[in-house]
């Protein structure tokens, strides 16, 4: 009987260790083109990225998180697009499209930080989380080409601190791949 309990406990601990030691990401198409495959952006065209408002969780605002997100998006898209420019200040949709056109960008990316939660995972066991709502527009026509919700959760078992910005690289790289396809430049 004790061997069964020990075996079951070991199996349960293994499941917790495996699932708790990895971050999880989700990318859901929420709008844009009707194509099941989604948008296929032209890698020879320039992209303009709007600066999102800083993220917050409850009453706690995370200063600089908007700039961090815009920079991470620029890093991911610069692996695919000919040129990427990032806004210097927050702009509304019309200002973003106007600035994109002025700079000669074919696409305007407007990110919104929907959730930004930093936790002391190493001692609390509570994961950091982030969620972005991403929209890509044709700068000339204002047509929404693609819209996605990207969410991420850090691992729950960690000996170091985690943060929402540490969760950006992997899902944004996958997002760029979805927007441009496998044939785009790397």
N, C-alpha and C. Protein backbone atom coordinates (compact mmCIF):
# COMPACT_ATOMS: atom_id res chain seq x y z
N UNK A 1 0.81 -1.19 0.00
CA UNK A 1 0.00 0.00 0.00
C UNK A 1 0.86 1.27 0.00
N UNK A 2 1.90 1.28 0.85
CA UNK A 2 2.78 2.43 0.91
C UNK A 2 3.50 2.66 -0.41
N UNK A 3 3.85 1.60 -1.11
CA UNK A 3 4.51 1.73 -2.41
C UNK A 3 3.58 2.40 -3.41
N UNK A 4 2.29 2.09 -3.37
CA UNK A 4 1.32 2.72 -4.28
C UNK A 4 1.19 4.21 -3.99
N UNK A 5 1.13 4.55 -2.71
CA UNK A 5 1.01 5.96 -2.32
C UNK A 5 2.26 6.72 -2.74
N UNK A 6 3.41 6.13 -2.50
CA UNK A 6 4.66 6.78 -2.90
C UNK A 6 4.73 6.93 -4.42
N UNK A 7 4.33 5.88 -5.13
CA UNK A 7 4.33 5.94 -6.59
C UNK A 7 3.38 6.99 -7.12
N UNK A 8 2.18 7.07 -6.55
CA UNK A 8 1.20 8.07 -6.98
C UNK A 8 1.69 9.47 -6.65
N UNK A 9 2.30 9.63 -5.48
CA UNK A 9 2.84 10.94 -5.09
C UNK A 9 3.98 11.36 -6.02
N UNK A 10 4.82 10.43 -6.37
CA UNK A 10 5.93 10.73 -7.29
C UNK A 10 5.40 11.12 -8.66
N UNK A 11 4.37 10.41 -9.12
CA UNK A 11 3.77 10.73 -10.43
C UNK A 11 3.15 12.13 -10.39
N UNK A 12 2.44 12.45 -9.32
CA UNK A 12 1.81 13.77 -9.19
C UNK A 12 2.88 14.86 -9.15
N UNK A 13 3.95 14.62 -8.41
CA UNK A 13 5.05 15.59 -8.34
C UNK A 13 5.69 15.79 -9.70
N UNK A 14 5.81 14.73 -10.48
CA UNK A 14 6.40 14.81 -11.82
C UNK A 14 5.52 15.67 -12.74
N UNK A 15 4.21 15.48 -12.68
CA UNK A 15 3.29 16.27 -13.50
C UNK A 15 3.39 17.75 -13.13
N UNK A 16 3.40 18.07 -11.84
CA UNK A 16 3.53 19.45 -11.40
C UNK A 16 4.86 20.04 -11.86
N UNK A 17 5.94 19.28 -11.73
CA UNK A 17 7.26 19.76 -12.14
C UNK A 17 7.31 20.03 -13.63
N UNK A 18 6.75 19.12 -14.41
CA UNK A 18 6.80 19.29 -15.86
C UNK A 18 5.95 20.48 -16.31
N UNK A 19 4.73 20.57 -15.82
CA UNK A 19 3.84 21.65 -16.24
C UNK A 19 4.20 22.98 -15.59
N UNK A 20 4.78 22.95 -14.41
CA UNK A 20 5.12 24.17 -13.71
C UNK A 20 6.44 24.77 -14.14
N UNK A 21 7.26 24.03 -14.86
CA UNK A 21 8.59 24.50 -15.23
C UNK A 21 8.64 25.11 -16.63
N UNK A 22 7.51 25.22 -17.28
CA UNK A 22 7.52 25.80 -18.62
C UNK A 22 6.52 26.95 -18.70
N UNK A 23 6.86 27.91 -19.50
CA UNK A 23 5.94 29.02 -19.76
C UNK A 23 4.93 28.55 -20.80
N UNK A 24 3.76 29.17 -20.81
CA UNK A 24 2.76 28.81 -21.82
C UNK A 24 2.36 30.06 -22.60
N UNK A 25 2.07 29.84 -23.88
CA UNK A 25 1.73 30.93 -24.79
C UNK A 25 0.49 30.56 -25.58
N UNK A 26 -0.30 31.58 -25.90
CA UNK A 26 -1.49 31.35 -26.72
C UNK A 26 -1.62 32.51 -27.69
N UNK A 27 -1.96 32.19 -28.94
CA UNK A 27 -2.10 33.18 -30.00
C UNK A 27 -3.42 32.88 -30.71
N UNK A 28 -4.40 33.79 -30.60
CA UNK A 28 -5.73 33.55 -31.15
C UNK A 28 -6.08 34.66 -32.14
N UNK A 29 -6.43 34.26 -33.36
CA UNK A 29 -6.87 35.22 -34.37
C UNK A 29 -8.23 35.76 -33.98
N UNK A 30 -8.38 37.07 -33.91
CA UNK A 30 -9.63 37.68 -33.48
C UNK A 30 -10.29 38.53 -34.56
N UNK A 31 -9.63 38.70 -35.71
CA UNK A 31 -10.22 39.51 -36.78
C UNK A 31 -9.24 39.74 -37.90
N UNK A 32 -9.66 40.59 -38.83
CA UNK A 32 -8.82 40.91 -39.98
C UNK A 32 -9.34 40.23 -41.22
N UNK A 33 -8.44 39.78 -42.07
CA UNK A 33 -8.83 39.16 -43.33
C UNK A 33 -9.64 37.90 -43.08
N UNK A 34 -10.43 37.52 -44.05
CA UNK A 34 -11.28 36.32 -43.93
C UNK A 34 -10.51 35.04 -44.22
N UNK A 35 -9.30 35.17 -44.71
CA UNK A 35 -8.51 33.99 -45.05
C UNK A 35 -8.24 33.15 -43.81
N UNK A 36 -8.44 31.85 -43.92
CA UNK A 36 -8.17 30.95 -42.80
C UNK A 36 -6.69 30.97 -42.43
N UNK A 37 -5.85 31.19 -43.42
CA UNK A 37 -4.40 31.23 -43.18
C UNK A 37 -3.97 32.55 -42.56
N UNK A 38 -4.84 33.57 -42.64
CA UNK A 38 -4.50 34.87 -42.10
C UNK A 38 -3.76 35.71 -43.12
N UNK A 39 -3.16 36.78 -42.65
CA UNK A 39 -2.47 37.72 -43.51
C UNK A 39 -1.13 37.16 -43.97
N UNK A 40 -0.72 37.58 -45.16
CA UNK A 40 0.64 37.32 -45.63
C UNK A 40 1.19 38.68 -46.01
N UNK A 41 1.97 39.26 -45.11
CA UNK A 41 2.51 40.58 -45.35
C UNK A 41 3.68 40.51 -46.31
N UNK A 42 3.90 41.60 -47.03
CA UNK A 42 4.99 41.72 -47.99
C UNK A 42 6.26 42.11 -47.24
N UNK A 43 7.26 41.26 -47.27
CA UNK A 43 8.50 41.50 -46.51
C UNK A 43 9.33 42.65 -47.10
N UNK A 44 9.01 43.08 -48.31
CA UNK A 44 9.75 44.20 -48.88
C UNK A 44 9.16 45.55 -48.45
N UNK A 45 8.04 45.52 -47.73
CA UNK A 45 7.37 46.74 -47.29
C UNK A 45 7.80 47.10 -45.86
N UNK A 46 7.76 48.40 -45.57
CA UNK A 46 8.10 48.91 -44.24
C UNK A 46 6.90 48.79 -43.30
N UNK A 47 7.20 48.75 -41.99
CA UNK A 47 6.19 48.62 -40.95
C UNK A 47 6.38 49.73 -39.93
N UNK A 48 5.27 50.28 -39.46
CA UNK A 48 5.29 51.29 -38.40
C UNK A 48 4.56 50.72 -37.19
N UNK A 49 5.17 50.81 -36.02
CA UNK A 49 4.60 50.24 -34.80
C UNK A 49 4.21 51.37 -33.85
N UNK A 50 2.94 51.37 -33.45
CA UNK A 50 2.46 52.35 -32.49
C UNK A 50 3.01 52.03 -31.10
N UNK A 51 3.16 53.05 -30.29
CA UNK A 51 3.61 52.88 -28.91
C UNK A 51 2.37 52.67 -28.03
N UNK A 52 2.24 51.49 -27.42
CA UNK A 52 1.06 51.26 -26.58
C UNK A 52 1.17 51.95 -25.22
N UNK A 53 0.03 52.20 -24.64
CA UNK A 53 -0.02 52.73 -23.27
C UNK A 53 0.61 51.69 -22.35
N UNK A 54 1.31 52.14 -21.31
CA UNK A 54 1.93 51.22 -20.36
C UNK A 54 0.90 50.28 -19.76
N UNK A 55 1.33 49.05 -19.50
CA UNK A 55 0.47 48.04 -18.91
C UNK A 55 0.27 48.28 -17.42
N UNK A 56 -0.78 47.66 -16.89
CA UNK A 56 -1.09 47.79 -15.47
C UNK A 56 -1.75 46.50 -14.99
N UNK A 57 -1.68 46.32 -13.69
CA UNK A 57 -2.42 45.24 -13.04
C UNK A 57 -3.04 45.86 -11.79
N UNK A 58 -4.36 45.93 -11.77
CA UNK A 58 -5.05 46.62 -10.68
C UNK A 58 -4.63 48.08 -10.69
N UNK A 59 -4.22 48.59 -9.56
CA UNK A 59 -3.82 49.99 -9.44
C UNK A 59 -2.34 50.19 -9.76
N UNK A 60 -1.60 49.11 -9.98
CA UNK A 60 -0.15 49.21 -10.23
C UNK A 60 0.13 49.34 -11.72
N UNK A 61 0.69 50.48 -12.11
CA UNK A 61 1.09 50.71 -13.50
C UNK A 61 2.57 50.34 -13.63
N UNK A 62 2.93 49.78 -14.78
CA UNK A 62 4.30 49.37 -15.04
C UNK A 62 4.93 50.32 -16.05
N UNK A 63 5.55 51.38 -15.53
CA UNK A 63 6.16 52.42 -16.37
C UNK A 63 7.18 51.81 -17.32
N UNK A 64 7.10 52.21 -18.56
CA UNK A 64 8.04 51.75 -19.58
C UNK A 64 7.63 50.46 -20.27
N UNK A 65 6.57 49.80 -19.79
CA UNK A 65 6.17 48.53 -20.40
C UNK A 65 5.68 48.73 -21.84
N UNK A 66 5.07 49.88 -22.14
CA UNK A 66 4.64 50.15 -23.51
C UNK A 66 5.83 50.21 -24.46
N UNK A 67 6.88 50.89 -24.04
CA UNK A 67 8.10 50.99 -24.86
C UNK A 67 8.75 49.61 -24.99
N UNK A 68 8.74 48.82 -23.92
CA UNK A 68 9.30 47.47 -23.95
C UNK A 68 8.56 46.60 -24.97
N UNK A 69 7.23 46.68 -24.96
CA UNK A 69 6.41 45.90 -25.89
C UNK A 69 6.68 46.35 -27.33
N UNK A 70 6.68 47.65 -27.58
CA UNK A 70 6.91 48.15 -28.94
C UNK A 70 8.29 47.71 -29.44
N UNK A 71 9.29 47.78 -28.58
CA UNK A 71 10.64 47.36 -28.97
C UNK A 71 10.71 45.86 -29.27
N UNK A 72 10.01 45.06 -28.47
CA UNK A 72 10.00 43.60 -28.70
C UNK A 72 9.30 43.27 -30.01
N UNK A 73 8.23 43.98 -30.32
CA UNK A 73 7.52 43.77 -31.59
C UNK A 73 8.45 44.17 -32.75
N UNK A 74 9.12 45.30 -32.60
CA UNK A 74 10.05 45.76 -33.64
C UNK A 74 11.16 44.73 -33.87
N UNK A 75 11.68 44.17 -32.79
CA UNK A 75 12.73 43.15 -32.91
C UNK A 75 12.23 41.94 -33.69
N UNK A 76 11.02 41.48 -33.36
CA UNK A 76 10.46 40.30 -34.03
C UNK A 76 10.17 40.58 -35.50
N UNK A 77 9.57 41.73 -35.80
CA UNK A 77 9.20 42.03 -37.18
C UNK A 77 10.40 42.42 -38.03
N UNK A 78 11.46 42.95 -37.40
CA UNK A 78 12.65 43.34 -38.18
C UNK A 78 13.36 42.13 -38.77
N UNK A 79 13.06 40.94 -38.27
CA UNK A 79 13.62 39.72 -38.86
C UNK A 79 12.93 39.37 -40.17
N UNK A 80 11.79 40.01 -40.44
CA UNK A 80 10.98 39.69 -41.63
C UNK A 80 10.81 40.89 -42.56
N UNK A 81 10.61 42.08 -41.99
CA UNK A 81 10.29 43.27 -42.79
C UNK A 81 11.56 44.01 -43.21
N UNK A 82 11.44 44.72 -44.31
CA UNK A 82 12.56 45.51 -44.84
C UNK A 82 12.98 46.60 -43.86
N UNK A 83 12.00 47.30 -43.28
CA UNK A 83 12.28 48.39 -42.34
C UNK A 83 11.17 48.44 -41.31
N UNK A 84 11.54 48.73 -40.06
CA UNK A 84 10.56 48.86 -38.98
C UNK A 84 10.84 50.15 -38.23
N UNK A 85 9.80 50.97 -38.08
CA UNK A 85 9.90 52.21 -37.30
C UNK A 85 8.94 52.10 -36.11
N UNK A 86 9.33 52.71 -34.99
CA UNK A 86 8.51 52.68 -33.78
C UNK A 86 8.14 54.11 -33.41
N UNK A 87 6.90 54.32 -33.03
CA UNK A 87 6.42 55.64 -32.62
C UNK A 87 7.20 56.14 -31.41
N UNK A 88 7.36 57.43 -31.34
CA UNK A 88 8.05 58.05 -30.20
C UNK A 88 7.09 58.32 -29.05
N UNK A 89 5.80 58.45 -29.34
CA UNK A 89 4.80 58.75 -28.31
C UNK A 89 3.51 58.00 -28.65
N UNK A 90 2.63 57.93 -27.67
CA UNK A 90 1.34 57.28 -27.90
C UNK A 90 0.54 58.08 -28.93
N UNK A 91 -0.18 57.36 -29.79
CA UNK A 91 -1.01 57.98 -30.82
C UNK A 91 -2.32 57.19 -30.92
N UNK A 92 -3.38 57.88 -31.39
CA UNK A 92 -4.60 57.14 -31.65
C UNK A 92 -4.48 56.46 -33.02
N UNK A 93 -5.49 55.70 -33.40
CA UNK A 93 -5.43 54.93 -34.66
C UNK A 93 -5.19 55.83 -35.87
N UNK A 94 -5.94 56.91 -35.99
CA UNK A 94 -5.80 57.80 -37.15
C UNK A 94 -4.41 58.44 -37.20
N UNK A 95 -3.89 58.87 -36.06
CA UNK A 95 -2.54 59.44 -36.02
C UNK A 95 -1.50 58.39 -36.41
N UNK A 96 -1.70 57.16 -35.95
CA UNK A 96 -0.77 56.08 -36.28
C UNK A 96 -0.75 55.83 -37.78
N UNK A 97 -1.93 55.73 -38.39
CA UNK A 97 -2.01 55.49 -39.84
C UNK A 97 -1.40 56.65 -40.62
N UNK A 98 -1.65 57.87 -40.18
CA UNK A 98 -1.09 59.05 -40.85
C UNK A 98 0.43 59.06 -40.77
N UNK A 99 0.97 58.76 -39.59
CA UNK A 99 2.43 58.74 -39.41
C UNK A 99 3.05 57.60 -40.21
N UNK A 100 2.38 56.45 -40.26
CA UNK A 100 2.88 55.33 -41.06
C UNK A 100 3.00 55.74 -42.52
N UNK A 101 1.96 56.37 -43.03
CA UNK A 101 1.99 56.83 -44.44
C UNK A 101 3.11 57.85 -44.66
N UNK A 102 3.24 58.81 -43.72
CA UNK A 102 4.27 59.84 -43.85
C UNK A 102 5.66 59.23 -43.92
N UNK A 103 5.88 58.15 -43.18
CA UNK A 103 7.18 57.49 -43.16
C UNK A 103 7.36 56.48 -44.30
N UNK A 104 6.33 56.31 -45.11
CA UNK A 104 6.42 55.38 -46.23
C UNK A 104 6.20 53.92 -45.84
N UNK A 105 5.56 53.69 -44.70
CA UNK A 105 5.29 52.32 -44.27
C UNK A 105 3.99 51.83 -44.91
N UNK A 106 3.99 50.60 -45.32
CA UNK A 106 2.78 50.01 -45.90
C UNK A 106 1.85 49.48 -44.81
N UNK A 107 2.44 49.07 -43.67
CA UNK A 107 1.66 48.48 -42.59
C UNK A 107 1.83 49.27 -41.30
N UNK A 108 0.76 49.33 -40.53
CA UNK A 108 0.79 49.93 -39.20
C UNK A 108 0.35 48.86 -38.20
N UNK A 109 1.16 48.64 -37.20
CA UNK A 109 0.84 47.67 -36.15
C UNK A 109 0.46 48.46 -34.90
N UNK A 110 -0.72 48.16 -34.38
CA UNK A 110 -1.20 48.84 -33.18
C UNK A 110 -1.39 47.82 -32.07
N UNK A 111 -0.45 47.79 -31.13
CA UNK A 111 -0.57 46.86 -30.00
C UNK A 111 -1.28 47.55 -28.82
N UNK A 112 -2.02 46.76 -28.06
CA UNK A 112 -2.63 47.23 -26.82
C UNK A 112 -2.25 46.23 -25.73
N UNK A 113 -1.71 46.73 -24.64
CA UNK A 113 -1.39 45.84 -23.51
C UNK A 113 -2.68 45.65 -22.74
N UNK A 114 -3.27 44.46 -22.88
CA UNK A 114 -4.53 44.15 -22.21
C UNK A 114 -4.33 43.69 -20.77
N UNK A 115 -3.16 43.09 -20.49
CA UNK A 115 -2.89 42.60 -19.14
C UNK A 115 -1.38 42.57 -18.94
N UNK A 116 -0.91 43.03 -17.80
CA UNK A 116 0.52 43.06 -17.50
C UNK A 116 0.67 42.82 -16.00
N UNK A 117 1.04 41.64 -15.62
CA UNK A 117 1.07 41.25 -14.21
C UNK A 117 2.41 40.64 -13.86
N UNK A 118 3.18 41.36 -13.07
CA UNK A 118 4.49 40.85 -12.64
C UNK A 118 4.36 40.27 -11.24
N UNK A 119 4.84 39.04 -11.09
CA UNK A 119 4.78 38.34 -9.80
C UNK A 119 6.17 37.90 -9.36
N UNK A 120 6.36 37.76 -8.08
CA UNK A 120 7.61 37.22 -7.53
C UNK A 120 7.48 35.70 -7.54
N UNK A 121 7.53 35.14 -8.72
CA UNK A 121 7.29 33.71 -8.93
C UNK A 121 8.21 32.82 -8.11
N UNK A 122 9.45 33.24 -7.92
CA UNK A 122 10.43 32.40 -7.24
C UNK A 122 10.03 32.05 -5.81
N UNK A 123 9.29 32.91 -5.14
CA UNK A 123 8.86 32.56 -3.78
C UNK A 123 7.36 32.41 -3.63
N UNK A 124 6.58 32.98 -4.55
CA UNK A 124 5.12 32.89 -4.41
C UNK A 124 4.51 31.72 -5.18
N UNK A 125 5.21 31.27 -6.21
CA UNK A 125 4.65 30.22 -7.06
C UNK A 125 3.55 30.74 -7.98
N UNK A 126 3.32 32.05 -7.97
CA UNK A 126 2.30 32.65 -8.84
C UNK A 126 2.97 33.17 -10.10
N UNK A 127 2.48 32.79 -11.25
CA UNK A 127 3.15 33.18 -12.51
C UNK A 127 2.91 34.63 -12.89
N UNK A 128 3.90 35.20 -13.58
CA UNK A 128 3.71 36.49 -14.24
C UNK A 128 2.88 36.23 -15.48
N UNK A 129 2.11 37.23 -15.89
CA UNK A 129 1.24 37.07 -17.06
C UNK A 129 1.26 38.35 -17.90
N UNK A 130 1.01 38.16 -19.19
CA UNK A 130 0.84 39.32 -20.07
C UNK A 130 -0.13 38.93 -21.18
N UNK A 131 -0.82 39.93 -21.69
CA UNK A 131 -1.73 39.74 -22.80
C UNK A 131 -1.68 40.97 -23.69
N UNK A 132 -1.52 40.74 -24.99
CA UNK A 132 -1.48 41.83 -25.98
C UNK A 132 -2.59 41.63 -27.00
N UNK A 133 -3.25 42.70 -27.36
CA UNK A 133 -4.17 42.69 -28.49
C UNK A 133 -3.45 43.40 -29.62
N UNK A 134 -3.21 42.67 -30.71
CA UNK A 134 -2.41 43.17 -31.82
C UNK A 134 -3.30 43.37 -33.05
N UNK A 135 -3.21 44.54 -33.67
CA UNK A 135 -3.93 44.80 -34.92
C UNK A 135 -2.95 45.31 -35.96
N UNK A 136 -3.06 44.77 -37.18
CA UNK A 136 -2.22 45.21 -38.30
C UNK A 136 -3.14 45.84 -39.33
N UNK A 137 -2.80 47.05 -39.76
CA UNK A 137 -3.60 47.80 -40.73
C UNK A 137 -2.80 48.08 -41.99
N UNK A 138 -3.51 48.16 -43.10
CA UNK A 138 -2.95 48.69 -44.33
C UNK A 138 -2.91 50.20 -44.11
N UNK A 139 -1.73 50.79 -44.13
CA UNK A 139 -1.59 52.21 -43.81
C UNK A 139 -2.32 53.11 -44.80
N UNK A 140 -2.40 52.71 -46.07
CA UNK A 140 -3.05 53.55 -47.08
C UNK A 140 -4.57 53.53 -46.98
N UNK A 141 -5.13 52.34 -46.78
CA UNK A 141 -6.59 52.22 -46.81
C UNK A 141 -7.23 52.21 -45.42
N UNK A 142 -6.45 51.92 -44.39
CA UNK A 142 -6.99 51.81 -43.05
C UNK A 142 -7.69 50.49 -42.79
N UNK A 143 -7.58 49.56 -43.74
CA UNK A 143 -8.21 48.24 -43.60
C UNK A 143 -7.44 47.40 -42.58
N UNK A 144 -8.19 46.78 -41.67
CA UNK A 144 -7.55 45.89 -40.69
C UNK A 144 -7.23 44.58 -41.39
N UNK A 145 -5.95 44.26 -41.46
CA UNK A 145 -5.47 43.06 -42.15
C UNK A 145 -5.48 41.85 -41.22
N UNK A 146 -5.09 42.09 -39.97
CA UNK A 146 -4.99 40.98 -39.02
C UNK A 146 -5.22 41.51 -37.61
N UNK A 147 -5.85 40.71 -36.78
CA UNK A 147 -6.02 41.03 -35.36
C UNK A 147 -5.85 39.73 -34.57
N UNK A 148 -5.06 39.81 -33.52
CA UNK A 148 -4.78 38.63 -32.69
C UNK A 148 -4.68 39.02 -31.23
N UNK A 149 -4.98 38.06 -30.39
CA UNK A 149 -4.76 38.18 -28.96
C UNK A 149 -3.61 37.22 -28.62
N UNK A 150 -2.56 37.76 -28.02
CA UNK A 150 -1.41 36.97 -27.64
C UNK A 150 -1.32 36.99 -26.12
N UNK A 151 -1.36 35.83 -25.51
CA UNK A 151 -1.27 35.75 -24.04
C UNK A 151 -0.12 34.83 -23.66
N UNK A 152 0.45 35.10 -22.50
CA UNK A 152 1.54 34.27 -22.00
C UNK A 152 1.49 34.23 -20.47
N UNK A 153 1.96 33.11 -19.95
CA UNK A 153 2.05 32.90 -18.51
C UNK A 153 3.42 32.29 -18.24
N UNK A 154 4.11 32.82 -17.24
CA UNK A 154 5.43 32.28 -16.90
C UNK A 154 5.28 30.94 -16.19
N UNK A 155 6.38 30.27 -16.03
CA UNK A 155 6.36 29.02 -15.28
C UNK A 155 6.03 29.34 -13.82
N UNK A 156 5.52 28.35 -13.11
CA UNK A 156 5.17 28.56 -11.71
C UNK A 156 6.25 28.04 -10.77
N UNK A 157 7.13 27.19 -11.28
CA UNK A 157 8.25 26.69 -10.49
C UNK A 157 9.50 27.36 -11.04
N UNK A 158 10.09 28.23 -10.22
CA UNK A 158 11.23 29.00 -10.69
C UNK A 158 12.11 29.39 -9.51
N UNK A 159 13.40 29.44 -9.75
CA UNK A 159 14.32 29.89 -8.72
C UNK A 159 14.75 31.32 -8.96
N UNK A 160 14.25 31.91 -10.05
CA UNK A 160 14.55 33.30 -10.37
C UNK A 160 13.25 34.03 -10.63
N UNK A 161 13.32 35.33 -10.56
CA UNK A 161 12.14 36.16 -10.79
C UNK A 161 11.76 36.11 -12.27
N UNK A 162 10.46 36.17 -12.54
CA UNK A 162 9.98 36.25 -13.91
C UNK A 162 9.25 37.57 -14.08
N UNK A 163 9.14 38.01 -15.30
CA UNK A 163 8.44 39.26 -15.58
C UNK A 163 7.68 39.13 -16.89
N UNK A 164 6.66 39.95 -17.08
CA UNK A 164 5.91 39.88 -18.34
C UNK A 164 6.79 40.13 -19.57
N UNK A 165 7.76 41.04 -19.46
CA UNK A 165 8.61 41.32 -20.63
C UNK A 165 9.48 40.12 -21.01
N UNK A 166 9.76 39.24 -20.06
CA UNK A 166 10.52 38.04 -20.41
C UNK A 166 9.68 37.04 -21.20
N UNK A 167 8.38 37.29 -21.26
CA UNK A 167 7.46 36.40 -21.98
C UNK A 167 7.19 36.86 -23.42
N UNK A 168 7.79 37.95 -23.86
CA UNK A 168 7.47 38.53 -25.17
C UNK A 168 8.14 37.84 -26.36
N UNK A 169 9.40 37.47 -26.24
CA UNK A 169 10.19 37.03 -27.39
C UNK A 169 9.57 35.86 -28.15
N UNK A 170 9.27 34.79 -27.47
CA UNK A 170 8.78 33.57 -28.14
C UNK A 170 7.46 33.77 -28.87
N UNK A 171 6.42 34.33 -28.23
CA UNK A 171 5.17 34.48 -28.97
C UNK A 171 5.23 35.54 -30.07
N UNK A 172 6.07 36.56 -29.91
CA UNK A 172 6.17 37.57 -30.96
C UNK A 172 6.94 37.05 -32.17
N UNK A 173 7.91 36.19 -31.94
CA UNK A 173 8.61 35.55 -33.06
C UNK A 173 7.63 34.68 -33.85
N UNK A 174 6.79 33.93 -33.14
CA UNK A 174 5.77 33.10 -33.80
C UNK A 174 4.76 33.97 -34.53
N UNK A 175 4.41 35.10 -33.94
CA UNK A 175 3.47 36.04 -34.55
C UNK A 175 4.03 36.57 -35.87
N UNK A 176 5.28 36.97 -35.88
CA UNK A 176 5.92 37.46 -37.11
C UNK A 176 5.91 36.37 -38.18
N UNK A 177 6.17 35.14 -37.77
CA UNK A 177 6.15 34.01 -38.71
C UNK A 177 4.75 33.85 -39.31
N UNK A 178 3.72 34.01 -38.49
CA UNK A 178 2.34 33.89 -38.98
C UNK A 178 2.02 35.01 -39.97
N UNK A 179 2.48 36.22 -39.66
CA UNK A 179 2.18 37.36 -40.53
C UNK A 179 2.88 37.27 -41.88
N UNK A 180 4.11 36.79 -41.89
CA UNK A 180 4.90 36.80 -43.12
C UNK A 180 5.04 35.45 -43.79
N UNK A 181 4.79 34.39 -43.08
CA UNK A 181 4.92 33.06 -43.66
C UNK A 181 6.36 32.59 -43.63
N UNK A 182 6.53 31.35 -44.03
CA UNK A 182 7.85 30.69 -43.95
C UNK A 182 8.83 31.23 -44.97
N UNK A 183 8.36 31.77 -46.06
CA UNK A 183 9.26 32.21 -47.12
C UNK A 183 9.89 33.57 -46.92
N UNK A 184 9.44 34.31 -45.92
CA UNK A 184 9.96 35.67 -45.71
C UNK A 184 11.40 35.63 -45.20
N UNK A 185 12.10 36.70 -45.42
CA UNK A 185 13.52 36.78 -45.03
C UNK A 185 13.69 36.60 -43.52
N UNK A 186 14.85 36.09 -43.14
CA UNK A 186 15.18 35.92 -41.71
C UNK A 186 16.40 36.72 -41.39
